[in-house]
Each structure stands twice: as structure tokens, then as C-alpha cells.
Amino acid sequence: MSTSIDTNSERRPEAAGRDVDQYGSSYGSPRSNDGLLALLLEEQQQLTAVEEFSQQHSNGTLPSQAKYYSKLMPASPPGEGEQYAFEVNLDACSGCKACVVACHSLNGLDETETWRDVGLLIGGTATNPVMQHVTTACHHCIEPACMSACPVDAYEKDATTGIVRHLDDQCFGCQYCTLACPYDVPKYHSGKGIVRKCDMCADRLSAGEAPACVQSCPHEAISIKVVDIAQVRENAEVDPYLPGAPEPHFTYPTTSFKTERVFPRNVLPADYYAINPQHPHWPLIIMLVLTQLSVGAFAVGQIIEYVLNPDLIAAFRPFQSTLALVLGLLALGASTLHLGRPQYAFRAIIGLRHSWLSREIVGFGLFAAAATAYAAAVWFDSAIPGLHRSLGGLVLVSGGIGLFCSAMIYVFTQREFWSLQRTVTRFTLTSCVLGIATAWLALMLSTTFGGGAEELLHQLGRPLAASLMVSVAVKLVWEAALFLHLFDRRNTSLKRSALLMIGPLASSLMARFACGVLGGIVMPGLLLADASGTAVTGFEVKQFLIVFMLFVACLVGEMLERYLFFAAVSAPRMPGGPRT
């Protein structure tokens, strides 16, 4: 790293009359008796940049702060088509983390909370290694993903300065922005129940003072510039951002990293090969699995409705619809547990125009209303005959909209493990598996407590068991296909997900496949082995227990699959430090 060494003659009178190159070696010196030892002793007396900075402040020899840091600030505010942006001089950054400390202190952050981080790039060869520190904070993107994702409009981008600010009072702690931002900028504060982030010390900027990180850097590696928005967009199409960092074309980050060096091609973040499980978000796991179960159960019920004689399924229909409805409502209730401030859950539809999370909430809200009306119509079919048939289509359409919006929430994050094809396939197969398993359970409940469903059990038993076995087999094979990426030579994001599953998450992976095989193949196989299909009292109890175990095993298996969906995703981020 480059540091400026004061060569003022008042401090170094012995240096007058000779030249010193950048390595401290003298040439053309009239003093022939200067040896290597004298030069080394002389260099030892020089202060580091941090020591000089501290000494000058303590002696009061620096001018006023505004004047001293004026060169790190733009001469005029942004004009039309411009905005403020950070500029980082990589050649000057030493990784001292003074900027991190200043940001932490000024904003009153908690001990483990940071809005600015310092990462490390490493590479080169054994004889010529390269190590480059990188300081990063919010990039105040032109098209901020955090702002587009937020369902309560808790982000705003200043029309004049371009600064992206988080509105703490508006936030209800859904944490979707932490998934949407490709640079790991918004940080969730569990104690406050909200997300917080860097705002470029906007109050300071408005008063003509530099942000804390700019003022604190002893090497003047961070500055504030005015950038042309159109130019930023153009640069994002062709210029690499930083080695190993997410591509800039998604959000168009405005931070620029300057260096006069040419990095070797093998320069990568120090944590590039580190594999660490991500936060699983258990309330979201429960919500996703149960909503897909509910939609799948209603879909299977509608298929049975149109395939079999309506009179034959009269006893089955109420149990099926009620079970699907109760589990669906339980899912919506569980989703509020994910909020840091659930008392403000009513704000969730504010971002309907741009947030997939708001759209999901509206979609499942309509689904819950339609499903409730459908279940009520089934139980009171004698009052308004055939009403449930009219409502059945509305239930399926609203449920399908909710599932699609659920998938798009994760597709929007641009993570390969959560791609459109993978996420839609995953969610659809879960709906099929759990929808069939729920129909099996409803069938046994109606046979045991409703009466008159023995013939339906005889007709539906084999098709349900066979379809469940096929659905589970397809899903398990599809999930196992991910491990083909272990043979990739490059350390792709899908390879990292596969490595996570066979490494830190191996026990969860084994449990997931064990539950899938048990509930989706072994148990249905036992049911198919019953060639008689009768419902005598002694066998009915045994069959009910098998079906109940089938349902629980499938449900637990899908919960574990969704846990891996969150924990094994390869999250994009800026370069970090070495990890063990």
C-alpha cells in the first residue's frame, strides 16, 4: 500500500541536496559517506501515515476540518442526471479499518453491527503475491434492489443527491431487502426489529462536511464524487466491478474503485472458497411449505371433484377442504413471526406496485378468503347447492397467483440457486407431494369419522398411493441432480451450494432424503401392497396409522428441503476477509 512520506526539509534537513527514490535509496548524493545503515536508521525515524495524522491533529497544526477535507468533496452539488457516490482509491487503502470505527462511532451502532466493511483480495504467485484491501459500504445504486423489494416503502432515493436512505420508522422488519441487495448492505437489527444501513452521512453532506468514513481515513482513500448516471449505466455493461463481486448490471452501483495497478487474473476475495450456511428463516420455511400444501390440497381436491361422482365424495369433501384451509391459515399466521415489528404487518401491501412480497401477501390474502368461502360452502352445501363448485376455480386461481409471487420473491434476488426454473419447479413439486399426502389424510379422516367413504377409499387408495410415489421420486431425483455440479471445475454458485449440502448441512440433507423415501415411497408402497382395499375395522386402524405417518414424514421432509433451500444458497456479497 502506498503511504506518503513527508520529505519537507524542515523535518529532514539531512535529506537536502540529494535525491531519494521511492525505495529510500539515494542517488546523485554529494555525501559519499552515507551508507545503507544510515539510510535505514533515517527511514526508521519517519512516522507512518496514521501516526502523522494523529500527531498533526493533537498538535493543532491542521486547518479546520471543512478546509482540510475539501479536496475529498465535490466542488459543487450534483446537477441534472448526476448524483453523489463514493470513490475508493485502492492503492491508498491499507485495511486499517479507521473508516469502520468512525462509522460505528458516529452512528451509535451495536458492538457487532457494521455499515462499512473492509474486505481482502488475494492472488498472484508465491514469488509475487498480491494482497489488496477493499473498503465498502452502501453503493447508493441507481436502481436499488432494496427499494424495489421493500413491501412497505421504507427506502427512498433522494432526487437531488441520489443517496438511498432507509426510513427506520416505516420498516417492519421483514428483512426482504437483506436478501434482495446483492452487496450485503442492509443489516437487520434484531433488538430494534428493523433493518438499518449507511446513508452516506447525508446530514453531514447537507452541511458541507464529509462523511465520517471520509474524514477518518488516514490515507485519504475514500472520497465523495459526483458521477454521471448515464455513464454509470454504460460502465456497468462492460467494466468489471471488483474480482468476485456481484455483477453491477443488476442495480448499477455508483461506488468506483480506482487503482493504477493491473491485478493478476487469479485475484479473488479471501473468502471466495469459504462455504458457510445462510440464515434459514424458519418462519418463512413454515409459511412456504404450508401455503404450498394448502394450495396443492385444494388442487388435488378439485381434480377428485371432477374425476369421480360428486355423490361419492360428499363425505370426503368437508374434511379435505377444512384440513387444507386450517393448514393454510396456520401458514399465514406463521409468516408474521418473521417480522421484527409484527404490529405493523398491515403496512405490507404498500409496495404492491413494485414489491413481489406485497403481491404475495395480496395473492394469499385472496386465496385465504376464497378458501374460507369454499370450505363454508362445502359444509353448508344443502343451503346453496353447488356454490362450492363456483368457488373452486377462484381458490385455484388465487392460490396459483400466491405461489407464483412466492417464487418471484426469490427469483428477484438473482441468485442462481433461486432461479425461476429451479424455484418454480421446487414449489410446484412440493405442492404436488403435500397436496396428495393431505388428500390421503383427509380420506382416512372421512372414512374413520365421517362414514360412507369406504367405496371412495377403494377407488382412490391406489391412484393416490401411486401418484405420491411418482411425485416424491421425481422431486428427490430432481434435488439430487444438484450434486452433478460437484464435478464443475469452476467454483460456481451451484457448486458451492452442493458443497454446503454435503459438508456443514450433510445431516439435514440425509434426514431430508430419509423422510422423503419413508413418507413418499415406503409408506405408499405398504398401502399398495394391500390388494384387498377393504376397510375392515382391524385393518382400518393400521391403515390410518400408516397414512398419518406418511403425511408427517412427507411434511417433515419438505420442511427440511425448504431449510436447505435457504441455508445452502450461495449468497452474493462484496469481498470479505479470510474465514475458517
Foldseek 3Di string as FASTA:
>chain_A
DDFDWDPDCVVPVVCPQWDADPVQDTDPHPPPPDDPVNSVVVVVPTDTLVVVVVVCVVVVVDDDQLVVCVVQADPDFADPQKAKFKEFAQVLDPPPCLLQVQQCVVVVHDPPDTQKAKFWKWDDDPVDIDITIDIDGALLFPAQQLQLAALQNQWDQDPGHSFIAGNFVRFFQLCLSCLQGQANRWDADLVSQGTHHDRQPVVQVVVSGGRRSCSRDSRSRMGMDMDRNVVLQVCLVPPAQDAQFDRCNLGSGNYHYDYPDDDPPPIHFQCNVPFFFFDLLLLLLLLLLLLLLLLLQLVVVVVCCVPDDVVLCLLLVLLSLVVSLVSNVVSVVSSLVSTSRSVVVVSSLVSVVRHLRNQLVVLSVQLNVLSVVLSVCSVVCVVPPPPNVVSSVSNNVSSVSNQQSVLVSNCSSVFPLSNSVNSSVLSNLSSNLSSLLSSLLSLLCSVVPVNSNLVVLLVCLLVSLVSLLVSLVVNVVVVVVLLVCCPPPDPDQSVSLNCCCVPVVVVLNVLLVVLSCQLRPVLSVVSVVPPVSGCDPVVSVVNSVSSVSSNVSSSVSSSSVSSSSRGSGRRGHDRRYNDD
